[in-house]
PDB file of all heavy atoms in Angstrom:
ATOM      1  N   LEU A   1       4.375 -18.252   2.194  1.00  0.00           N
ATOM      2  CA  LEU A   1       3.198 -17.698   1.521  1.00  0.00           C
ATOM      3  C   LEU A   1       2.374 -16.852   2.492  1.00  0.00           C
ATOM      4  O   LEU A   1       1.876 -15.787   2.123  1.00  0.00           O
ATOM      5  CB  LEU A   1       2.336 -18.816   0.933  1.00  0.00           C
ATOM      6  CG  LEU A   1       2.887 -19.500  -0.314  1.00  0.00           C
ATOM      7  CD1 LEU A   1       1.997 -20.671  -0.704  1.00  0.00           C
ATOM      8  CD2 LEU A   1       3.018 -18.523  -1.460  1.00  0.00           C
ATOM      9  N   ALA A   2       2.236 -17.314   3.736  1.00  0.00           N
ATOM     10  CA  ALA A   2       1.462 -16.560   4.731  1.00  0.00           C
ATOM     11  C   ALA A   2       2.124 -15.221   5.040  1.00  0.00           C
ATOM     12  O   ALA A   2       1.447 -14.189   5.133  1.00  0.00           O
ATOM     13  CB  ALA A   2       1.301 -17.378   6.004  1.00  0.00           C
ATOM     14  N   GLU A   3       3.444 -15.224   5.186  1.00  0.00           N
ATOM     15  CA  GLU A   3       4.168 -13.976   5.465  1.00  0.00           C
ATOM     16  C   GLU A   3       4.067 -13.027   4.276  1.00  0.00           C
ATOM     17  O   GLU A   3       3.879 -11.820   4.445  1.00  0.00           O
ATOM     18  CB  GLU A   3       5.636 -14.277   5.776  1.00  0.00           C
ATOM     19  CG  GLU A   3       5.857 -14.982   7.091  1.00  0.00           C
ATOM     20  CD  GLU A   3       7.284 -15.483   7.264  1.00  0.00           C
ATOM     21  OE1 GLU A   3       7.979 -15.725   6.240  1.00  0.00           O
ATOM     22  OE2 GLU A   3       7.699 -15.638   8.418  1.00  0.00           O
ATOM     23  N   SER A   4       4.187 -13.573   3.069  1.00  0.00           N
ATOM     24  CA  SER A   4       4.076 -12.751   1.859  1.00  0.00           C
ATOM     25  C   SER A   4       2.681 -12.159   1.735  1.00  0.00           C
ATOM     26  O   SER A   4       2.529 -10.987   1.373  1.00  0.00           O
ATOM     27  CB  SER A   4       4.391 -13.592   0.623  1.00  0.00           C
ATOM     28  OG  SER A   4       5.719 -14.031   0.654  1.00  0.00           O
ATOM     29  N   ASN A   5       1.664 -12.950   2.050  1.00  0.00           N
ATOM     30  CA  ASN A   5       0.289 -12.463   1.999  1.00  0.00           C
ATOM     31  C   ASN A   5       0.075 -11.340   3.021  1.00  0.00           C
ATOM     32  O   ASN A   5      -0.525 -10.311   2.702  1.00  0.00           O
ATOM     33  CB  ASN A   5      -0.687 -13.614   2.260  1.00  0.00           C
ATOM     34  CG  ASN A   5      -2.116 -13.219   2.024  1.00  0.00           C
ATOM     35  OD1 ASN A   5      -2.445 -12.654   0.982  1.00  0.00           O
ATOM     36  ND2 ASN A   5      -2.965 -13.499   2.991  1.00  0.00           N
ATOM     37  N   ASP A   6       0.589 -11.529   4.244  1.00  0.00           N
ATOM     38  CA  ASP A   6       0.472 -10.494   5.280  1.00  0.00           C
ATOM     39  C   ASP A   6       1.195  -9.223   4.856  1.00  0.00           C
ATOM     40  O   ASP A   6       0.693  -8.114   5.057  1.00  0.00           O
ATOM     41  CB  ASP A   6       1.034 -10.989   6.609  1.00  0.00           C
ATOM     42  CG  ASP A   6       0.180 -12.069   7.243  1.00  0.00           C
ATOM     43  OD1 ASP A   6      -0.998 -12.229   6.823  1.00  0.00           O
ATOM     44  OD2 ASP A   6       0.684 -12.761   8.151  1.00  0.00           O
ATOM     45  N   PHE A   7       2.387  -9.386   4.261  1.00  0.00           N
ATOM     46  CA  PHE A   7       3.158  -8.237   3.811  1.00  0.00           C
ATOM     47  C   PHE A   7       2.403  -7.459   2.737  1.00  0.00           C
ATOM     48  O   PHE A   7       2.261  -6.237   2.814  1.00  0.00           O
ATOM     49  CB  PHE A   7       4.517  -8.690   3.280  1.00  0.00           C
ATOM     50  CG  PHE A   7       5.353  -7.566   2.738  1.00  0.00           C
ATOM     51  CD1 PHE A   7       6.036  -6.723   3.591  1.00  0.00           C
ATOM     52  CD2 PHE A   7       5.454  -7.348   1.374  1.00  0.00           C
ATOM     53  CE1 PHE A   7       6.800  -5.670   3.096  1.00  0.00           C
ATOM     54  CE2 PHE A   7       6.203  -6.310   0.868  1.00  0.00           C
ATOM     55  CZ  PHE A   7       6.888  -5.470   1.746  1.00  0.00           C
ATOM     56  N   LEU A   8       1.890  -8.171   1.743  1.00  0.00           N
ATOM     57  CA  LEU A   8       1.157  -7.524   0.660  1.00  0.00           C
ATOM     58  C   LEU A   8      -0.096  -6.833   1.189  1.00  0.00           C
ATOM     59  O   LEU A   8      -0.384  -5.691   0.811  1.00  0.00           O
ATOM     60  CB  LEU A   8       0.801  -8.523  -0.438  1.00  0.00           C
ATOM     61  CG  LEU A   8       0.071  -7.949  -1.646  1.00  0.00           C
ATOM     62  CD1 LEU A   8       0.892  -6.855  -2.328  1.00  0.00           C
ATOM     63  CD2 LEU A   8      -0.263  -9.048  -2.630  1.00  0.00           C
ATOM     64  N   ASN A   9      -0.822  -7.506   2.079  1.00  0.00           N
ATOM     65  CA  ASN A   9      -2.013  -6.893   2.671  1.00  0.00           C
ATOM     66  C   ASN A   9      -1.661  -5.628   3.443  1.00  0.00           C
ATOM     67  O   ASN A   9      -2.393  -4.641   3.396  1.00  0.00           O
ATOM     68  CB  ASN A   9      -2.742  -7.883   3.572  1.00  0.00           C
ATOM     69  CG  ASN A   9      -3.517  -8.908   2.789  1.00  0.00           C
ATOM     70  OD1 ASN A   9      -3.908  -8.678   1.646  1.00  0.00           O
ATOM     71  ND2 ASN A   9      -3.728 -10.061   3.399  1.00  0.00           N
ATOM     72  N   SER A  10      -0.536  -5.636   4.142  1.00  0.00           N
ATOM     73  CA  SER A  10      -0.103  -4.455   4.887  1.00  0.00           C
ATOM     74  C   SER A  10       0.196  -3.293   3.947  1.00  0.00           C
ATOM     75  O   SER A  10      -0.209  -2.152   4.198  1.00  0.00           O
ATOM     76  CB  SER A  10       1.135  -4.773   5.722  1.00  0.00           C
ATOM     77  OG  SER A  10       0.844  -5.725   6.702  1.00  0.00           O
ATOM     78  N   VAL A  11       0.892  -3.583   2.860  1.00  0.00           N
ATOM     79  CA  VAL A  11       1.215  -2.535   1.884  1.00  0.00           C
ATOM     80  C   VAL A  11      -0.071  -1.958   1.276  1.00  0.00           C
ATOM     81  O   VAL A  11      -0.242  -0.739   1.184  1.00  0.00           O
ATOM     82  CB  VAL A  11       2.149  -3.077   0.776  1.00  0.00           C
ATOM     83  CG1 VAL A  11       2.288  -2.076  -0.363  1.00  0.00           C
ATOM     84  CG2 VAL A  11       3.506  -3.422   1.357  1.00  0.00           C
ATOM     85  N   LEU A  12      -0.986  -2.835   0.902  1.00  0.00           N
ATOM     86  CA  LEU A  12      -2.243  -2.371   0.302  1.00  0.00           C
ATOM     87  C   LEU A  12      -3.078  -1.592   1.304  1.00  0.00           C
ATOM     88  O   LEU A  12      -3.736  -0.604   0.937  1.00  0.00           O
ATOM     89  CB  LEU A  12      -3.030  -3.557  -0.256  1.00  0.00           C
ATOM     90  CG  LEU A  12      -2.361  -4.290  -1.424  1.00  0.00           C
ATOM     91  CD1 LEU A  12      -3.187  -5.505  -1.832  1.00  0.00           C
ATOM     92  CD2 LEU A  12      -2.126  -3.370  -2.603  1.00  0.00           C
ATOM     93  N   ASP A  13      -3.066  -1.985   2.577  1.00  0.00           N
ATOM     94  CA  ASP A  13      -3.778  -1.239   3.617  1.00  0.00           C
ATOM     95  C   ASP A  13      -3.201   0.163   3.786  1.00  0.00           C
ATOM     96  O   ASP A  13      -3.941   1.139   3.927  1.00  0.00           O
ATOM     97  CB  ASP A  13      -3.719  -1.974   4.961  1.00  0.00           C
ATOM     98  CG  ASP A  13      -4.620  -3.189   5.007  1.00  0.00           C
ATOM     99  OD1 ASP A  13      -5.517  -3.313   4.143  1.00  0.00           O
ATOM    100  OD2 ASP A  13      -4.420  -4.031   5.916  1.00  0.00           O
ATOM    101  N   ILE A  14      -1.872   0.259   3.759  1.00  0.00           N
ATOM    102  CA  ILE A  14      -1.223   1.564   3.893  1.00  0.00           C
ATOM    103  C   ILE A  14      -1.600   2.466   2.717  1.00  0.00           C
ATOM    104  O   ILE A  14      -1.938   3.645   2.899  1.00  0.00           O
ATOM    105  CB  ILE A  14       0.302   1.408   4.002  1.00  0.00           C
ATOM    106  CG1 ILE A  14       0.663   0.747   5.337  1.00  0.00           C
ATOM    107  CG2 ILE A  14       1.008   2.746   3.849  1.00  0.00           C
ATOM    108  CD1 ILE A  14       2.109   0.275   5.423  1.00  0.00           C
ATOM    109  N   VAL A  15      -1.569   1.924   1.505  1.00  0.00           N
ATOM    110  CA  VAL A  15      -1.946   2.707   0.319  1.00  0.00           C
ATOM    111  C   VAL A  15      -3.405   3.140   0.422  1.00  0.00           C
ATOM    112  O   VAL A  15      -3.736   4.309   0.196  1.00  0.00           O
ATOM    113  CB  VAL A  15      -1.687   1.902  -0.981  1.00  0.00           C
ATOM    114  CG1 VAL A  15      -2.289   2.612  -2.192  1.00  0.00           C
ATOM    115  CG2 VAL A  15      -0.198   1.673  -1.185  1.00  0.00           C
ATOM    116  N   SER A  16      -4.287   2.218   0.806  1.00  0.00           N
ATOM    117  CA  SER A  16      -5.720   2.538   0.929  1.00  0.00           C
ATOM    118  C   SER A  16      -5.963   3.607   1.989  1.00  0.00           C
ATOM    119  O   SER A  16      -6.732   4.552   1.775  1.00  0.00           O
ATOM    120  CB  SER A  16      -6.517   1.290   1.290  1.00  0.00           C
ATOM    121  OG  SER A  16      -6.448   0.350   0.262  1.00  0.00           O
ATOM    122  N   ASP A  17      -5.326   3.466   3.152  1.00  0.00           N
ATOM    123  CA  ASP A  17      -5.496   4.444   4.230  1.00  0.00           C
ATOM    124  C   ASP A  17      -5.008   5.823   3.811  1.00  0.00           C
ATOM    125  O   ASP A  17      -5.636   6.837   4.117  1.00  0.00           O
ATOM    126  CB  ASP A  17      -4.763   3.995   5.493  1.00  0.00           C
ATOM    127  CG  ASP A  17      -5.402   2.780   6.148  1.00  0.00           C
ATOM    128  OD1 ASP A  17      -6.575   2.463   5.822  1.00  0.00           O
ATOM    129  OD2 ASP A  17      -4.722   2.132   6.970  1.00  0.00           O
ATOM    130  N   THR A  18      -3.888   5.847   3.099  1.00  0.00           N
ATOM    131  CA  THR A  18      -3.347   7.125   2.630  1.00  0.00           C
ATOM    132  C   THR A  18      -4.301   7.782   1.644  1.00  0.00           C
ATOM    133  O   THR A  18      -4.551   8.989   1.713  1.00  0.00           O
ATOM    134  CB  THR A  18      -1.961   6.912   1.987  1.00  0.00           C
ATOM    135  OG1 THR A  18      -1.095   6.286   2.938  1.00  0.00           O
ATOM    136  CG2 THR A  18      -1.351   8.227   1.546  1.00  0.00           C
ATOM    137  N   LEU A  19      -4.871   7.004   0.728  1.00  0.00           N
ATOM    138  CA  LEU A  19      -5.826   7.556  -0.241  1.00  0.00           C
ATOM    139  C   LEU A  19      -7.099   8.025   0.449  1.00  0.00           C
ATOM    140  O   LEU A  19      -7.684   9.035   0.057  1.00  0.00           O
ATOM    141  CB  LEU A  19      -6.142   6.518  -1.318  1.00  0.00           C
ATOM    142  CG  LEU A  19      -4.989   6.197  -2.271  1.00  0.00           C
ATOM    143  CD1 LEU A  19      -5.337   4.994  -3.136  1.00  0.00           C
ATOM    144  CD2 LEU A  19      -4.627   7.396  -3.127  1.00  0.00           C
ATOM    145  N   ARG A  20      -7.545   7.318   1.491  1.00  0.00           N
ATOM    146  CA  ARG A  20      -8.735   7.754   2.236  1.00  0.00           C
ATOM    147  C   ARG A  20      -8.515   9.110   2.899  1.00  0.00           C
ATOM    148  O   ARG A  20      -9.452   9.864   3.102  1.00  0.00           O
ATOM    149  CB  ARG A  20      -9.102   6.725   3.300  1.00  0.00           C
ATOM    150  CG  ARG A  20      -9.909   5.586   2.767  1.00  0.00           C
ATOM    151  CD  ARG A  20     -10.456   4.711   3.893  1.00  0.00           C
ATOM    152  NE  ARG A  20     -10.816   3.431   3.347  1.00  0.00           N
ATOM    153  CZ  ARG A  20     -10.055   2.342   3.334  1.00  0.00           C
ATOM    154  NH1 ARG A  20      -8.864   2.367   3.904  1.00  0.00           N
ATOM    155  NH2 ARG A  20     -10.469   1.233   2.785  1.00  0.00           N
ATOM    156  N   LYS A  21      -7.264   9.409   3.237  1.00  0.00           N
ATOM    157  CA  LYS A  21      -6.911  10.709   3.832  1.00  0.00           C
ATOM    158  C   LYS A  21      -6.754  11.784   2.760  1.00  0.00           C
ATOM    159  O   LYS A  21      -6.316  12.887   3.043  1.00  0.00           O
ATOM    160  CB  LYS A  21      -5.611  10.586   4.621  1.00  0.00           C
ATOM    161  CG  LYS A  21      -5.713   9.699   5.828  1.00  0.00           C
ATOM    162  CD  LYS A  21      -4.351   9.586   6.494  1.00  0.00           C
ATOM    163  CE  LYS A  21      -4.344   8.534   7.556  1.00  0.00           C
ATOM    164  NZ  LYS A  21      -2.985   8.304   8.098  1.00  0.00           N
ATOM    165  N   LYS A  22      -7.073  11.422   1.513  1.00  0.00           N
ATOM    166  CA  LYS A  22      -6.993  12.319   0.359  1.00  0.00           C
ATOM    167  C   LYS A  22      -5.565  12.753   0.060  1.00  0.00           C
ATOM    168  O   LYS A  22      -5.304  13.858  -0.400  1.00  0.00           O
ATOM    169  CB  LYS A  22      -7.900  13.530   0.545  1.00  0.00           C
ATOM    170  CG  LYS A  22      -9.347  13.140   0.683  1.00  0.00           C
ATOM    171  CD  LYS A  22     -10.222  14.332   0.923  1.00  0.00           C
ATOM    172  CE  LYS A  22     -11.643  13.847   1.152  1.00  0.00           C
ATOM    173  NZ  LYS A  22     -12.499  14.856   1.678  1.00  0.00           N
ATOM    174  N   GLU A  23      -4.617  11.855   0.355  1.00  0.00           N
ATOM    175  CA  GLU A  23      -3.218  12.091   0.034  1.00  0.00           C
ATOM    176  C   GLU A  23      -2.831  11.182  -1.130  1.00  0.00           C
ATOM    177  O   GLU A  23      -3.321  10.067  -1.240  1.00  0.00           O
ATOM    178  CB  GLU A  23      -2.334  11.783   1.240  1.00  0.00           C
ATOM    179  CG  GLU A  23      -2.616  12.648   2.454  1.00  0.00           C
ATOM    180  CD  GLU A  23      -1.827  12.222   3.678  1.00  0.00           C
ATOM    181  OE1 GLU A  23      -0.840  11.472   3.527  1.00  0.00           O
ATOM    182  OE2 GLU A  23      -2.205  12.626   4.777  1.00  0.00           O
ATOM    183  N   ASP A  24      -1.955  11.674  -1.993  1.00  0.00           N
ATOM    184  CA  ASP A  24      -1.485  10.889  -3.120  1.00  0.00           C
ATOM    185  C   ASP A  24      -0.379   9.936  -2.669  1.00  0.00           C
ATOM    186  O   ASP A  24       0.315  10.192  -1.688  1.00  0.00           O
ATOM    187  CB  ASP A  24      -0.944  11.795  -4.229  1.00  0.00           C
ATOM    188  CG  ASP A  24      -2.027  12.676  -4.831  1.00  0.00           C
ATOM    189  OD1 ASP A  24      -3.214  12.328  -4.696  1.00  0.00           O
ATOM    190  OD2 ASP A  24      -1.676  13.698  -5.441  1.00  0.00           O
ATOM    191  N   VAL A  25      -0.212   8.843  -3.410  1.00  0.00           N
ATOM    192  CA  VAL A  25       0.845   7.867  -3.140  1.00  0.00           C
ATOM    193  C   VAL A  25       1.728   7.793  -4.376  1.00  0.00           C
ATOM    194  O   VAL A  25       1.252   7.478  -5.459  1.00  0.00           O
ATOM    195  CB  VAL A  25       0.245   6.470  -2.827  1.00  0.00           C
ATOM    196  CG1 VAL A  25       1.355   5.454  -2.609  1.00  0.00           C
ATOM    197  CG2 VAL A  25      -0.683   6.538  -1.620  1.00  0.00           C
ATOM    198  N   PHE A  26       3.013   8.106  -4.199  1.00  0.00           N
ATOM    199  CA  PHE A  26       3.973   8.069  -5.301  1.00  0.00           C
ATOM    200  C   PHE A  26       4.994   6.975  -5.021  1.00  0.00           C
ATOM    201  O   PHE A  26       5.661   6.990  -3.996  1.00  0.00           O
ATOM    202  CB  PHE A  26       4.703   9.411  -5.440  1.00  0.00           C
ATOM    203  CG  PHE A  26       3.773  10.557  -5.725  1.00  0.00           C
ATOM    204  CD1 PHE A  26       3.381  11.416  -4.726  1.00  0.00           C
ATOM    205  CD2 PHE A  26       3.285  10.765  -7.006  1.00  0.00           C
ATOM    206  CE1 PHE A  26       2.524  12.465  -4.979  1.00  0.00           C
ATOM    207  CE2 PHE A  26       2.425  11.812  -7.272  1.00  0.00           C
ATOM    208  CZ  PHE A  26       2.040  12.666  -6.256  1.00  0.00           C
ATOM    209  N   LEU A  27       5.105   6.022  -5.931  1.00  0.00           N
ATOM    210  CA  LEU A  27       6.079   4.951  -5.815  1.00  0.00           C
ATOM    211  C   LEU A  27       7.054   5.089  -6.980  1.00  0.00           C
ATOM    212  O   LEU A  27       6.726   4.741  -8.123  1.00  0.00           O
ATOM    213  CB  LEU A  27       5.388   3.583  -5.845  1.00  0.00           C
ATOM    214  CG  LEU A  27       4.311   3.369  -4.775  1.00  0.00           C
ATOM    215  CD1 LEU A  27       3.563   2.072  -5.015  1.00  0.00           C
ATOM    216  CD2 LEU A  27       4.924   3.400  -3.395  1.00  0.00           C
ATOM    217  N   ARG A  28       8.220   5.626  -6.680  1.00  0.00           N
ATOM    218  CA  ARG A  28       9.211   5.909  -7.724  1.00  0.00           C
ATOM    219  C   ARG A  28       9.540   4.642  -8.502  1.00  0.00           C
ATOM    220  O   ARG A  28       9.767   3.587  -7.934  1.00  0.00           O
ATOM    221  CB  ARG A  28      10.471   6.491  -7.108  1.00  0.00           C
ATOM    222  CG  ARG A  28      11.463   6.988  -8.142  1.00  0.00           C
ATOM    223  CD  ARG A  28      12.648   7.672  -7.507  1.00  0.00           C
ATOM    224  NE  ARG A  28      12.289   8.772  -6.632  1.00  0.00           N
ATOM    225  CZ  ARG A  28      12.075  10.027  -7.033  1.00  0.00           C
ATOM    226  NH1 ARG A  28      12.181  10.320  -8.301  1.00  0.00           N
ATOM    227  NH2 ARG A  28      11.768  10.960  -6.170  1.00  0.00           N
ATOM    228  N   GLY A  29       9.525   4.743  -9.817  1.00  0.00           N
ATOM    229  CA  GLY A  29       9.824   3.617 -10.678  1.00  0.00           C
ATOM    230  C   GLY A  29       8.621   2.729 -10.958  1.00  0.00           C
ATOM    231  O   GLY A  29       8.707   1.782 -11.725  1.00  0.00           O
ATOM    232  N   PHE A  30       7.486   3.012 -10.322  1.00  0.00           N
ATOM    233  CA  PHE A  30       6.288   2.196 -10.526  1.00  0.00           C
ATOM    234  C   PHE A  30       5.136   3.050 -11.016  1.00  0.00           C
ATOM    235  O   PHE A  30       4.615   2.839 -12.100  1.00  0.00           O
ATOM    236  CB  PHE A  30       5.916   1.481  -9.223  1.00  0.00           C
ATOM    237  CG  PHE A  30       4.704   0.606  -9.351  1.00  0.00           C
ATOM    238  CD1 PHE A  30       4.741  -0.545 -10.101  1.00  0.00           C
ATOM    239  CD2 PHE A  30       3.515   0.952  -8.716  1.00  0.00           C
ATOM    240  CE1 PHE A  30       3.611  -1.357 -10.227  1.00  0.00           C
ATOM    241  CE2 PHE A  30       2.396   0.156  -8.825  1.00  0.00           C
ATOM    242  CZ  PHE A  30       2.443  -0.997  -9.579  1.00  0.00           C
ATOM    243  N   GLY A  31       4.717   4.026 -10.200  1.00  0.00           N
ATOM    244  CA  GLY A  31       3.622   4.891 -10.601  1.00  0.00           C
ATOM    245  C   GLY A  31       3.048   5.632  -9.415  1.00  0.00           C
ATOM    246  O   GLY A  31       3.613   5.623  -8.321  1.00  0.00           O
TER     247      GLY A  31
END
């Protein structure tokens, strides 16, 4: 659970940082 939580937080941080740079995030098959 701890590793999964760290992994999810890392993914969300990457998405947030990318959006702060005013770049779009495209995840094929998701949105």
